[in-house]
Protein backbone atom coordinates (compact mmCIF):
# COMPACT_ATOMS: atom_id res chain seq x y z
CA MET A 1 95.06 108.94 91.07
CA ARG A 2 93.83 110.09 87.69
CA ARG A 3 90.26 109.03 86.68
CA ILE A 4 89.48 107.83 83.18
CA THR A 5 86.22 106.86 81.56
CA VAL A 6 86.08 104.05 79.00
CA ALA A 7 83.15 104.58 76.65
CA ALA A 8 81.54 101.59 74.97
CA PHE A 9 83.06 100.83 71.60
CA ALA A 10 80.87 101.02 68.51
CA ALA A 11 80.53 97.94 66.25
CA LEU A 12 80.68 99.11 62.64
CA GLU A 13 79.98 97.54 59.28
CA GLY A 14 80.69 99.62 56.20
CA GLU A 15 79.75 103.15 57.07
CA GLY A 16 77.09 102.40 59.68
CA PRO A 17 76.32 100.22 62.79
CA ALA A 18 76.92 96.58 62.49
CA LEU A 19 74.01 94.17 62.41
CA ASP A 20 76.09 91.17 63.32
CA PRO A 21 75.57 90.28 66.99
CA ASP A 22 79.06 88.69 67.09
CA LEU A 23 80.64 91.94 66.17
CA THR A 24 78.61 93.83 68.72
CA ALA A 25 79.76 91.27 71.42
CA ALA A 26 83.42 91.77 70.19
CA ALA A 27 83.14 95.49 70.65
CA GLU A 28 81.76 94.97 74.13
CA TYR A 29 84.64 92.63 74.89
CA VAL A 30 87.34 95.08 73.72
CA ALA A 31 85.98 97.93 75.71
CA GLY A 32 85.27 95.86 78.78
CA GLU A 33 88.63 94.15 78.86
CA LEU A 34 90.42 97.45 78.20
CA ALA A 35 88.69 98.99 81.21
CA ARG A 36 89.61 96.01 83.36
CA LEU A 37 93.26 96.12 82.32
CA LEU A 38 93.51 99.88 82.91
CA GLY A 39 91.94 99.46 86.36
CA GLU A 40 94.30 96.62 87.28
CA SER A 41 97.33 98.78 86.37
CA GLY A 42 96.80 100.65 89.58
CA ALA A 43 97.61 103.89 87.82
CA LEU A 44 94.06 104.93 86.86
CA GLU A 45 90.62 104.93 88.53
CA VAL A 46 88.27 103.60 85.76
CA ALA A 47 84.61 104.19 85.09
CA SER A 48 82.72 102.66 82.20
CA VAL A 49 80.11 104.79 80.41
CA PRO A 50 77.76 104.31 77.43
CA GLU A 51 78.99 104.92 73.92
CA ALA A 52 80.18 108.40 73.22
CA ARG A 53 80.72 110.28 69.91
CA MET A 54 83.99 109.12 68.49
CA SER A 55 85.60 112.57 68.63
CA ALA A 56 87.78 114.42 71.11
CA ALA A 57 84.82 116.79 71.89
CA GLY A 58 82.42 113.85 72.44
CA LEU A 59 84.87 112.00 74.73
CA GLY A 60 85.68 115.22 76.57
CA GLU A 61 81.97 115.68 77.31
CA VAL A 62 81.65 112.13 78.86
CA ALA A 63 84.84 112.64 80.83
CA HIS A 64 83.70 115.93 82.19
CA ALA A 65 80.27 114.52 83.11
CA ALA A 66 81.89 111.68 85.03
CA GLY A 67 84.30 113.94 86.82
CA ALA A 68 87.23 112.29 84.99
CA GLU A 69 90.38 113.82 83.55
CA LEU A 70 90.47 111.45 80.61
CA ALA A 71 88.30 109.42 78.38
CA VAL A 72 88.87 106.73 75.79
CA GLY A 73 86.49 105.42 73.15
CA GLY A 74 86.64 103.60 69.84
CA SER A 75 85.13 101.36 67.26
CA VAL A 76 85.54 97.83 66.07
CA ARG A 77 85.06 96.36 62.57
CA ILE A 78 86.21 93.35 60.53
CA VAL A 79 88.21 93.96 57.37
CA ASP A 80 89.62 91.05 55.36
CA GLY A 81 89.53 88.58 58.17
CA GLU A 82 91.08 90.89 60.75
CA LEU A 83 89.54 92.59 63.71
CA CYS A 84 90.39 96.31 63.39
CA VAL A 85 90.11 98.71 66.29
CA ALA A 86 90.31 102.54 66.15
CA ALA A 87 90.68 104.23 69.55
CA LEU A 88 90.99 107.82 70.75
CA LEU A 89 92.22 109.13 74.11
CA ALA A 90 91.00 112.62 74.96
CA GLY A 91 91.16 115.02 77.89
CA SER A 92 88.11 116.38 79.62
CA ALA A 93 88.65 119.72 77.71
CA GLY A 94 88.09 117.95 74.45
CA ASN A 95 91.82 117.82 73.58
CA VAL A 96 93.34 114.81 71.76
CA ARG A 97 95.91 112.98 73.91
CA ALA A 98 96.56 110.06 71.62
CA SER A 99 94.95 107.89 68.92
CA TRP A 100 95.67 104.34 67.62
CA GLU A 101 94.63 101.81 65.08
CA GLN A 102 95.25 98.23 65.84
CA SER A 103 94.48 95.15 63.69
CA LEU A 104 94.96 91.45 64.35
CA PRO A 105 93.67 88.30 62.59
CA VAL A 106 90.44 87.34 64.26
CA GLY A 107 92.15 84.23 65.61
CA GLN A 108 94.42 86.53 67.71
CA ALA A 109 91.88 89.27 68.43
CA ALA A 110 91.69 88.44 72.18
CA ALA A 111 95.10 90.23 72.50
CA LEU A 112 93.76 93.55 71.22
CA PRO A 113 92.64 95.06 74.59
CA ALA A 114 96.15 94.44 76.11
CA LEU A 115 97.71 96.19 73.14
CA LEU A 116 95.38 99.12 73.62
CA ALA A 117 95.93 99.22 77.36
CA ARG A 118 99.72 99.27 77.01
CA ALA A 119 99.43 102.07 74.35
CA ALA A 120 97.16 104.21 76.61
CA LEU A 121 99.44 103.80 79.64
CA LEU A 122 102.46 104.71 77.68
CA ALA A 123 100.78 107.79 76.26
CA LEU A 124 100.05 108.85 79.83
CA GLY A 125 103.55 108.18 80.99
CA GLU A 126 102.65 105.23 83.18
CA ASP A 127 105.34 102.96 81.87
CA ALA A 128 105.71 101.13 85.21
CA SER A 129 102.07 100.07 85.20
CA LEU A 130 102.05 98.37 81.80
CA PRO A 131 100.26 95.00 81.79
CA PRO A 132 102.59 92.13 80.89
CA GLU A 133 103.12 91.46 77.21
CA ARG A 134 101.43 88.22 76.08
CA ASP A 135 102.13 86.34 72.94
CA SER A 136 99.31 86.60 70.38
CA GLN A 137 97.65 83.19 70.18
CA ASP A 138 96.79 82.20 66.56
CA LEU A 139 93.57 80.35 67.12
CA PRO A 140 90.72 79.45 64.82
CA PRO A 141 88.58 82.60 64.19
CA ASP A 142 85.53 80.93 65.71
CA ALA A 143 87.29 80.68 69.03
CA PHE A 144 87.34 84.43 69.52
CA PHE A 145 83.62 84.70 68.68
CA ARG A 146 82.79 81.77 70.87
CA LEU A 147 84.55 83.57 73.70
CA VAL A 148 82.73 86.88 73.25
CA ARG A 149 79.36 85.13 72.93
CA THR A 150 79.77 84.02 76.46
CA ARG A 151 79.70 87.71 77.58
CA PRO A 152 82.80 86.99 79.66
CA LEU A 153 82.89 90.37 81.37
CA SER A 154 79.14 90.45 82.26
CA PRO A 155 77.84 89.85 85.80
CA GLU A 156 76.71 86.39 84.62
CA PRO A 157 79.07 84.96 81.93
CA ASP A 158 78.29 81.55 80.45
CA CYS A 159 80.66 79.50 82.53
CA GLU A 160 79.73 76.27 80.86
CA ARG A 161 80.84 77.52 77.50
CA LEU A 162 84.00 79.08 78.90
CA LEU A 163 84.89 75.75 80.41
CA GLU A 164 84.31 74.14 77.08
CA LEU A 165 86.79 76.49 75.49
CA VAL A 166 89.39 75.84 78.22
CA GLU A 167 89.07 72.13 77.59
CA GLU A 168 89.06 72.24 73.80
CA LEU A 169 91.70 74.95 73.35
CA PRO A 170 94.26 74.76 76.26
CA PRO A 171 96.57 77.44 74.86
CA PHE A 172 93.62 79.97 74.84
CA GLU A 173 94.17 82.04 78.02
CA ALA A 174 91.22 84.47 77.76
CA PRO A 175 88.48 81.92 78.88
CA ARG A 176 90.48 80.93 81.90
CA ARG A 177 91.05 84.57 82.89
CA ALA A 178 87.34 85.24 82.39
CA LEU A 179 86.40 82.42 84.78
CA LEU A 180 88.87 83.62 87.42
CA ALA A 181 87.45 87.20 87.01
CA ALA A 182 83.91 85.87 87.42
CA ALA A 183 84.74 84.04 90.52
CA GLU A 184 86.22 87.22 92.09
CA ALA A 185 83.18 89.19 91.04
CA ALA A 186 80.85 86.55 92.58
CA ARG A 187 82.18 87.09 96.11
CA GLY A 188 79.26 87.70 98.51
CA THR A 189 76.65 87.07 95.91
CA GLU A 190 74.15 84.23 95.27
CA ARG A 191 76.38 83.20 92.33
CA MET A 192 79.22 81.96 94.67
CA PRO A 193 78.06 78.23 94.60
CA ALA A 194 77.88 78.17 90.79
CA LEU A 195 81.36 79.72 90.52
CA LEU A 196 82.78 77.30 93.10
CA ALA A 197 81.57 74.46 90.97
CA ALA A 198 83.14 76.10 87.85
CA LEU A 199 86.42 76.46 89.62
CA GLU A 200 86.42 72.91 90.78
CA ARG A 201 85.99 71.83 87.16
CA LEU A 202 88.65 74.38 85.95
CA ARG A 203 91.03 72.84 88.50
CA GLU A 204 90.40 69.40 86.95
CA LEU A 205 91.29 70.84 83.51
CA ARG A 206 94.35 72.74 84.72
CA PRO A 207 95.55 70.83 87.89
CA ALA A 208 98.97 72.63 88.14
CA ASP A 209 97.72 76.14 87.55
CA ALA A 210 98.63 78.10 90.64
CA GLU A 211 96.23 81.05 89.87
CA VAL A 212 93.31 78.57 89.59
CA LEU A 213 94.36 76.90 92.73
CA ILE A 214 94.57 80.25 94.64
CA ALA A 215 91.11 81.26 93.36
CA LEU A 216 89.69 77.88 94.28
CA GLY A 217 91.08 78.20 97.79
CA ASP A 218 89.58 81.69 98.10
CA CYS A 219 86.20 80.35 96.98
CA ARG A 220 86.36 77.34 99.34
CA ALA A 221 87.26 79.66 102.31
CA LEU A 222 84.22 81.81 101.54
CA HIS A 223 82.17 78.66 101.74
CA LEU A 224 83.77 77.97 105.20
CA ASP A 225 85.72 74.93 103.90
CA ARG A 226 88.91 75.91 105.61
CA GLU A 227 90.61 72.58 105.16
CA GLY A 228 89.75 72.56 101.53
CA ALA A 229 91.06 76.10 101.15
CA ARG A 230 94.33 75.10 102.89
CA ALA A 231 94.78 72.13 100.61
CA ALA A 232 94.34 74.27 97.47
CA TRP A 233 96.67 76.95 98.72
CA LEU A 234 99.39 74.39 99.59
CA GLU A 235 99.09 72.95 96.08
CA ALA A 236 99.28 76.52 94.63
CA ARG A 237 102.49 77.24 96.63
CA ASP A 238 104.13 74.06 95.30
CA ALA A 239 102.91 74.43 91.77
CA ALA A 240 103.71 78.16 91.35
CA GLY A 241 106.27 78.88 88.69
CA LEU A 242 106.29 82.59 89.50
CA PRO A 243 107.59 83.90 92.92
CA HIS A 244 104.59 86.34 93.37
CA LEU A 245 102.13 83.52 92.99
CA ALA A 246 103.87 81.38 95.53
CA ALA A 247 104.00 84.37 97.90
CA SER A 248 100.27 85.01 97.35
CA ALA A 249 99.47 81.47 98.37
CA LEU A 250 101.75 81.66 101.38
CA GLU A 251 100.06 84.92 102.58
CA ARG A 252 96.70 83.18 102.45
CA LEU A 253 98.10 80.17 104.38
CA ALA A 254 99.51 82.62 106.99
CA ARG A 255 96.17 84.28 107.47
CA LEU A 256 94.46 80.96 107.82
CA ALA A 257 97.03 79.75 110.39
CA ALA A 258 96.70 83.08 112.37
CA GLN A 259 92.98 82.69 112.54
CA ALA A 260 93.40 79.22 113.94
CA GLY A 261 95.80 80.49 116.59
CA ARG A 262 98.89 78.95 114.97
CA ARG A 263 101.06 82.02 115.18
CA ASP A 264 104.45 80.38 114.53
CA GLU A 265 103.14 78.64 111.48
CA ALA A 266 101.81 81.99 110.21
CA VAL A 267 105.05 83.75 110.79
CA ALA A 268 106.94 81.01 108.99
CA HIS A 269 104.64 81.30 105.94
CA LEU A 270 105.12 85.16 105.86
CA ARG A 271 108.85 84.95 106.26
CA ALA A 272 108.89 82.62 103.16
CA ALA A 273 106.58 85.00 101.33
CA VAL A 274 108.70 88.11 101.87
CA ARG A 275 111.71 86.25 100.54
CA LEU A 276 109.78 85.61 97.36
CA ALA A 277 108.03 88.94 96.79
CA ASP A 278 108.72 92.33 98.30
CA ASP A 279 105.03 93.12 98.88
CA PRO A 280 103.97 95.68 101.42
CA GLU A 281 101.00 93.64 102.59
CA HIS A 282 103.19 90.60 103.35
CA HIS A 283 105.61 92.83 105.40
CA ARG A 284 102.60 94.60 107.16
CA LEU A 285 100.96 91.26 108.15
CA LEU A 286 104.33 89.86 109.34
CA GLY A 287 104.88 92.96 111.45
CA GLU A 288 101.39 92.71 112.92
CA LEU A 289 102.01 89.07 113.86
CA LEU A 290 105.39 89.74 115.35
CA LEU A 291 104.31 92.82 117.37
CA PRO A 292 103.05 91.06 120.56
CA GLN A 293 106.25 89.16 121.14
CA ASP A 294 109.01 90.96 119.20
CA PRO A 295 108.27 94.64 118.71
CA ALA A 296 111.79 95.36 117.28
CA GLN A 297 111.40 92.76 114.57
CA ALA A 298 107.79 93.94 113.93
CA ALA A 299 109.19 97.48 113.49
CA LEU A 300 111.63 96.27 110.90
CA SER A 301 108.95 94.51 108.88
CA LEU A 302 106.57 97.52 109.14
CA THR A 303 109.37 99.95 108.19
CA ARG A 304 109.82 97.95 104.96
CA ALA A 305 106.04 97.97 104.40
CA SER A 306 106.01 101.73 104.81
CA VAL A 307 108.86 102.17 102.25
CA LEU A 308 106.91 100.02 99.73
CA ALA A 309 103.61 101.82 100.43
CA PRO A 310 104.54 105.30 101.55
CA ARG A 311 101.06 106.70 101.40
CA ASP A 312 99.33 103.94 103.39
CA ALA A 313 98.38 105.64 106.68
CA SER A 314 97.30 102.36 108.35
CA ILE A 315 100.80 100.90 107.88
CA ARG A 316 102.37 104.07 109.21
CA LEU A 317 100.12 103.83 112.32
CA GLN A 318 101.14 100.17 112.95
CA LEU A 319 104.75 101.25 112.59
CA ALA A 320 104.24 104.05 115.19
CA ARG A 321 102.96 101.44 117.67
CA ALA A 322 105.79 99.00 116.98
CA LEU A 323 108.46 101.66 117.42
CA GLN A 324 106.64 102.94 120.66
CA GLN A 325 106.78 99.33 122.09
CA SER A 326 110.35 98.70 120.94
CA GLY A 327 111.64 101.79 122.73
CA SER A 328 112.07 104.25 119.91
CA PRO A 329 109.84 107.18 121.03
CA GLY A 330 111.37 109.68 118.61
CA ARG A 331 110.78 107.55 115.57
CA SER A 332 107.32 106.51 116.89
CA ALA A 333 106.30 110.20 117.13
CA ALA A 334 107.55 110.86 113.61
CA ALA A 335 105.56 107.91 112.31
CA ALA A 336 102.41 108.96 114.14
CA THR A 337 102.81 112.55 112.86
CA GLU A 338 103.17 111.24 109.31
CA THR A 339 99.97 109.19 109.84
CA LEU A 340 98.08 112.34 110.61
CA ARG A 341 99.41 113.95 107.45
CA LEU A 342 98.47 111.05 105.24
CA THR A 343 94.88 110.55 106.18
CA THR A 344 91.58 112.24 106.93
CA ASP A 345 90.00 109.07 108.26
CA PRO A 346 88.75 110.07 111.79
CA ASP A 347 89.37 106.70 113.34
CA VAL A 348 92.98 106.36 112.09
CA ARG A 349 93.67 109.99 113.09
CA ALA A 350 92.31 109.42 116.57
CA GLN A 351 94.52 106.36 117.06
CA ALA A 352 97.66 108.23 115.83
CA ALA A 353 96.78 111.16 118.15
CA ALA A 354 96.49 108.65 121.03
CA VAL A 355 100.03 107.38 120.29
CA LEU A 356 101.36 110.93 120.41
CA GLU A 357 99.54 111.59 123.73
CA GLN A 358 101.00 108.48 125.27
CA LEU A 359 104.52 109.36 124.15
CA ALA A 360 104.08 112.93 125.53
CA GLU A 361 102.97 111.55 128.89
CA ARG A 362 105.98 109.36 129.18
CA GLY A 363 108.16 112.34 128.45
């Protein structure tokens, strides 16, 4: 996977640095959201770095220092009521890969990072990894600045003000996305209780939002409220307007049922999930649950998982075991051999070698 650095964007006013703290916060938001979107694409490993010189040579230097192949940086300014972004993509050798200028009315400026992310991925030939296109939302200019003042991508965003924006401006998606991202980032930290409270309030404001319900269930589960988590995920399954969201809720319900020893219920949830979304993790988990009682069906599920995730050595190892137990020694040996090729993990390699030894002993 290619590695890219995203340098902090400069906030400019006239020919020099901006003194307006709102514009500084806007530049921070554009760079941070761009880094998040590039990371979520799955095509790039992203690292954020301090501001670099806005030149191919300057970006090449920060890329080289970070051990990255690429770097992107830019600047933000306001011109005639529009937020204007100039961005440059460079290689570690200081060569220009692409450059862009994007402008939107301040009321639509929250869409700028997604436009930049799509442009960068297209320039790199990663068309399949493009983030979804979203309609630009024409909101009052102060809505964007109220958003960036919350420092939505910081370790401790102002959740209270983000919730106020969700309540006052229901069409504005960015505050909702920021709260969901904050809840994910708070996992395992002392901020979990505060984010649980924020998600409970977000759910009151958006009671049929499947993404919110999934995140709420996740947070409840981390607080050991399994029944509360199950209730939220069931609501998410029923409210989901998109198949992948319903499948995501079903996978969580399956894991919860499996932990409680309700294997048949878990299998039923996963069978429903794979009908909705062809996700390797759903197929892998289904195969894992089927293996003790139906190795042949488990092998079918794990074969599909391996097709969808051909470089995942752990899936290939599970497939080798399922094929071994279902009476397909030749295919099992091939899967175990492929596992060894795919990974350097000593534990996974030892387990794959053990499968090959068992097959050899049985002739």
